[in-house]
Amino acid sequence: MLIGELSRRTGVSTRLLRYYETQGLLEAGRGPNGYRHYADDSVVTVRQIRALLRAGLTTEVIRIALPCARGERPDFDWCAELWDILNGELTAMDERIEGLQRSRGALADFLTRP
């Protein structure tokens, strides 16, 4: 399918689809006219990418996770090191949340002072 069709089927802009391709997340062949051609399973891949982005993962981590992803949700075949990588991402996210909570507390403290 062409990029416009993939965009319509996934609700993702053509600009983002090209970005996913440059990040190594999505593969496209090229026709003789230079147009991008995507396989039918690219719809699932784009939905996986979107789900993993919503989970707060970077494109770098998603590139590692995609080969292990199955289905649109996605579920995972726990490839070597993927569990450790995702667990590390969760730990880092928890640390960022704790830091934001401390910052929020400090800011709220300023607002409660006369």
C-alpha atoms as a PDB file:
ATOM      1  CA  MET A   1       0.000   0.000   0.000  1.00  0.00           C
ATOM      2  CA  LEU A   2       1.092   3.576  -0.525  1.00  0.00           C
ATOM      3  CA  ILE A   3       1.876   5.946   2.328  1.00  0.00           C
ATOM      4  CA  GLY A   4      -1.466   7.744   2.005  1.00  0.00           C
ATOM      5  CA  GLU A   5      -3.373   4.483   2.449  1.00  0.00           C
ATOM      6  CA  LEU A   6      -1.266   3.525   5.471  1.00  0.00           C
ATOM      7  CA  SER A   7      -1.961   6.954   6.921  1.00  0.00           C
ATOM      8  CA  ARG A   8      -5.724   6.541   6.381  1.00  0.00           C
ATOM      9  CA  ARG A   9      -5.769   3.039   7.874  1.00  0.00           C
ATOM     10  CA  THR A  10      -3.784   4.002  10.981  1.00  0.00           C
ATOM     11  CA  GLY A  11      -4.758   7.635  11.544  1.00  0.00           C
ATOM     12  CA  VAL A  12      -1.067   8.575  11.589  1.00  0.00           C
ATOM     13  CA  SER A  13       0.133  11.435   9.405  1.00  0.00           C
ATOM     14  CA  THR A  14       2.374  10.733   6.432  1.00  0.00           C
ATOM     15  CA  ARG A  15       4.976  12.968   8.043  1.00  0.00           C
ATOM     16  CA  LEU A  16       5.095  10.725  11.131  1.00  0.00           C
ATOM     17  CA  LEU A  17       5.201   7.596   8.986  1.00  0.00           C
ATOM     18  CA  ARG A  18       8.267   8.955   7.183  1.00  0.00           C
ATOM     19  CA  TYR A  19       9.791   9.809  10.582  1.00  0.00           C
ATOM     20  CA  TYR A  20       9.196   6.240  11.804  1.00  0.00           C
ATOM     21  CA  GLU A  21      10.972   5.019   8.695  1.00  0.00           C
ATOM     22  CA  THR A  22      14.004   7.269   9.287  1.00  0.00           C
ATOM     23  CA  GLN A  23      14.140   6.004  12.895  1.00  0.00           C
ATOM     24  CA  GLY A  24      14.294   2.394  11.671  1.00  0.00           C
ATOM     25  CA  LEU A  25      10.863   1.530  13.082  1.00  0.00           C
ATOM     26  CA  LEU A  26       9.002   1.026   9.822  1.00  0.00           C
ATOM     27  CA  GLU A  27      10.169  -0.431   6.529  1.00  0.00           C
ATOM     28  CA  ALA A  28       9.066   0.708   3.102  1.00  0.00           C
ATOM     29  CA  GLY A  29       9.987  -0.547  -0.312  1.00  0.00           C
ATOM     30  CA  ARG A  30      10.246   1.790  -3.267  1.00  0.00           C
ATOM     31  CA  GLY A  31       8.427   1.393  -6.539  1.00  0.00           C
ATOM     32  CA  PRO A  32       9.952   2.336  -9.894  1.00  0.00           C
ATOM     33  CA  ASN A  33       8.348   5.755  -9.494  1.00  0.00           C
ATOM     34  CA  GLY A  34      10.079   6.239  -6.108  1.00  0.00           C
ATOM     35  CA  TYR A  35       6.845   6.007  -4.112  1.00  0.00           C
ATOM     36  CA  ARG A  36       6.959   4.236  -0.777  1.00  0.00           C
ATOM     37  CA  HIS A  37       5.190   0.885  -0.661  1.00  0.00           C
ATOM     38  CA  TYR A  38       4.263  -0.714   2.653  1.00  0.00           C
ATOM     39  CA  ALA A  39       3.332  -4.312   3.377  1.00  0.00           C
ATOM     40  CA  ASP A  40      -0.132  -5.021   4.801  1.00  0.00           C
ATOM     41  CA  ASP A  41       1.384  -5.870   8.199  1.00  0.00           C
ATOM     42  CA  SER A  42       2.691  -2.289   8.419  1.00  0.00           C
ATOM     43  CA  VAL A  43      -0.707  -1.319   9.852  1.00  0.00           C
ATOM     44  CA  VAL A  44      -0.025  -3.521  12.887  1.00  0.00           C
ATOM     45  CA  THR A  45       3.543  -2.225  13.149  1.00  0.00           C
ATOM     46  CA  VAL A  46       2.347   1.398  13.213  1.00  0.00           C
ATOM     47  CA  ARG A  47      -0.220   0.549  15.888  1.00  0.00           C
ATOM     48  CA  GLN A  48       2.504  -1.148  17.929  1.00  0.00           C
ATOM     49  CA  ILE A  49       4.724   1.922  17.594  1.00  0.00           C
ATOM     50  CA  ARG A  50       1.887   4.187  18.733  1.00  0.00           C
ATOM     51  CA  ALA A  51       1.115   1.967  21.744  1.00  0.00           C
ATOM     52  CA  LEU A  52       4.778   1.896  22.777  1.00  0.00           C
ATOM     53  CA  LEU A  53       5.065   5.675  22.379  1.00  0.00           C
ATOM     54  CA  ARG A  54       1.994   6.097  24.603  1.00  0.00           C
ATOM     55  CA  ALA A  55       3.815   3.969  27.187  1.00  0.00           C
ATOM     56  CA  GLY A  56       6.539   6.624  27.214  1.00  0.00           C
ATOM     57  CA  LEU A  57       9.223   4.696  25.360  1.00  0.00           C
ATOM     58  CA  THR A  58      11.731   6.417  23.096  1.00  0.00           C
ATOM     59  CA  THR A  59      12.104   5.458  19.458  1.00  0.00           C
ATOM     60  CA  GLU A  60      15.477   3.945  20.362  1.00  0.00           C
ATOM     61  CA  VAL A  61      13.862   1.566  22.863  1.00  0.00           C
ATOM     62  CA  ILE A  62      10.958   0.892  20.498  1.00  0.00           C
ATOM     63  CA  ARG A  63      13.440  -0.147  17.798  1.00  0.00           C
ATOM     64  CA  ILE A  64      14.718  -2.825  20.200  1.00  0.00           C
ATOM     65  CA  ALA A  65      11.223  -3.878  21.316  1.00  0.00           C
ATOM     66  CA  LEU A  66       9.498  -4.113  17.917  1.00  0.00           C
ATOM     67  CA  PRO A  67      11.065  -7.390  16.773  1.00  0.00           C
ATOM     68  CA  CYS A  68       9.669  -8.994  19.948  1.00  0.00           C
ATOM     69  CA  ALA A  69       6.188  -7.392  19.686  1.00  0.00           C
ATOM     70  CA  ARG A  70       3.178  -9.447  18.671  1.00  0.00           C
ATOM     71  CA  GLY A  71      -0.265  -8.027  17.939  1.00  0.00           C
ATOM     72  CA  GLU A  72      -1.540  -4.472  18.075  1.00  0.00           C
ATOM     73  CA  ARG A  73      -1.624  -4.245  21.873  1.00  0.00           C
ATOM     74  CA  PRO A  74       1.314  -5.368  21.730  1.00  0.00           C
ATOM     75  CA  ASP A  75       2.239  -8.496  23.622  1.00  0.00           C
ATOM     76  CA  PHE A  76       5.861  -9.590  23.721  1.00  0.00           C
ATOM     77  CA  ASP A  77       7.936 -12.643  23.061  1.00  0.00           C
ATOM     78  CA  TRP A  78      10.509 -11.894  25.715  1.00  0.00           C
ATOM     79  CA  CYS A  79      13.580 -11.590  23.529  1.00  0.00           C
ATOM     80  CA  ALA A  80      17.035 -11.460  25.080  1.00  0.00           C
ATOM     81  CA  GLU A  81      17.444  -8.403  27.303  1.00  0.00           C
ATOM     82  CA  LEU A  82      14.022  -6.901  26.480  1.00  0.00           C
ATOM     83  CA  TRP A  83      12.677  -7.526  29.988  1.00  0.00           C
ATOM     84  CA  ASP A  84      15.708  -5.779  31.504  1.00  0.00           C
ATOM     85  CA  ILE A  85      15.437  -2.849  29.096  1.00  0.00           C
ATOM     86  CA  LEU A  86      11.731  -2.272  29.766  1.00  0.00           C
ATOM     87  CA  ASN A  87      12.231  -2.732  33.507  1.00  0.00           C
ATOM     88  CA  GLY A  88      15.022  -0.128  33.356  1.00  0.00           C
ATOM     89  CA  GLU A  89      12.694   2.250  31.503  1.00  0.00           C
ATOM     90  CA  LEU A  90      10.045   1.750  34.195  1.00  0.00           C
ATOM     91  CA  THR A  91      12.564   2.441  36.956  1.00  0.00           C
ATOM     92  CA  ALA A  92      13.743   5.605  35.194  1.00  0.00           C
ATOM     93  CA  MET A  93      10.145   6.730  34.742  1.00  0.00           C
ATOM     94  CA  ASP A  94       9.458   6.179  38.458  1.00  0.00           C
ATOM     95  CA  GLU A  95      12.514   8.287  39.290  1.00  0.00           C
ATOM     96  CA  ARG A  96      11.312  11.102  37.015  1.00  0.00           C
ATOM     97  CA  ILE A  97       7.869  10.975  38.659  1.00  0.00           C
ATOM     98  CA  GLU A  98       9.436  11.181  42.126  1.00  0.00           C
ATOM     99  CA  GLY A  99      11.528  14.152  41.016  1.00  0.00           C
ATOM    100  CA  LEU A 100       8.464  15.907  39.639  1.00  0.00           C
ATOM    101  CA  GLN A 101       6.574  15.244  42.869  1.00  0.00           C
ATOM    102  CA  ARG A 102       9.418  16.835  44.864  1.00  0.00           C
ATOM    103  CA  SER A 103       9.432  19.836  42.522  1.00  0.00           C
ATOM    104  CA  ARG A 104       5.677  20.128  42.759  1.00  0.00           C
ATOM    105  CA  GLY A 105       5.869  20.072  46.558  1.00  0.00           C
ATOM    106  CA  ALA A 106       8.475  22.822  46.554  1.00  0.00           C
ATOM    107  CA  LEU A 107       6.419  24.965  44.195  1.00  0.00           C
ATOM    108  CA  ALA A 108       3.239  24.398  46.198  1.00  0.00           C
ATOM    109  CA  ASP A 109       5.173  25.428  49.319  1.00  0.00           C
ATOM    110  CA  PHE A 110       6.047  28.763  47.681  1.00  0.00           C
ATOM    111  CA  LEU A 111       2.384  29.355  46.893  1.00  0.00           C
ATOM    112  CA  THR A 112       1.252  28.712  50.476  1.00  0.00           C
ATOM    113  CA  ARG A 113       3.598  31.327  51.948  1.00  0.00           C
ATOM    114  CA  PRO A 114       2.073  34.778  52.623  1.00  0.00           C
END
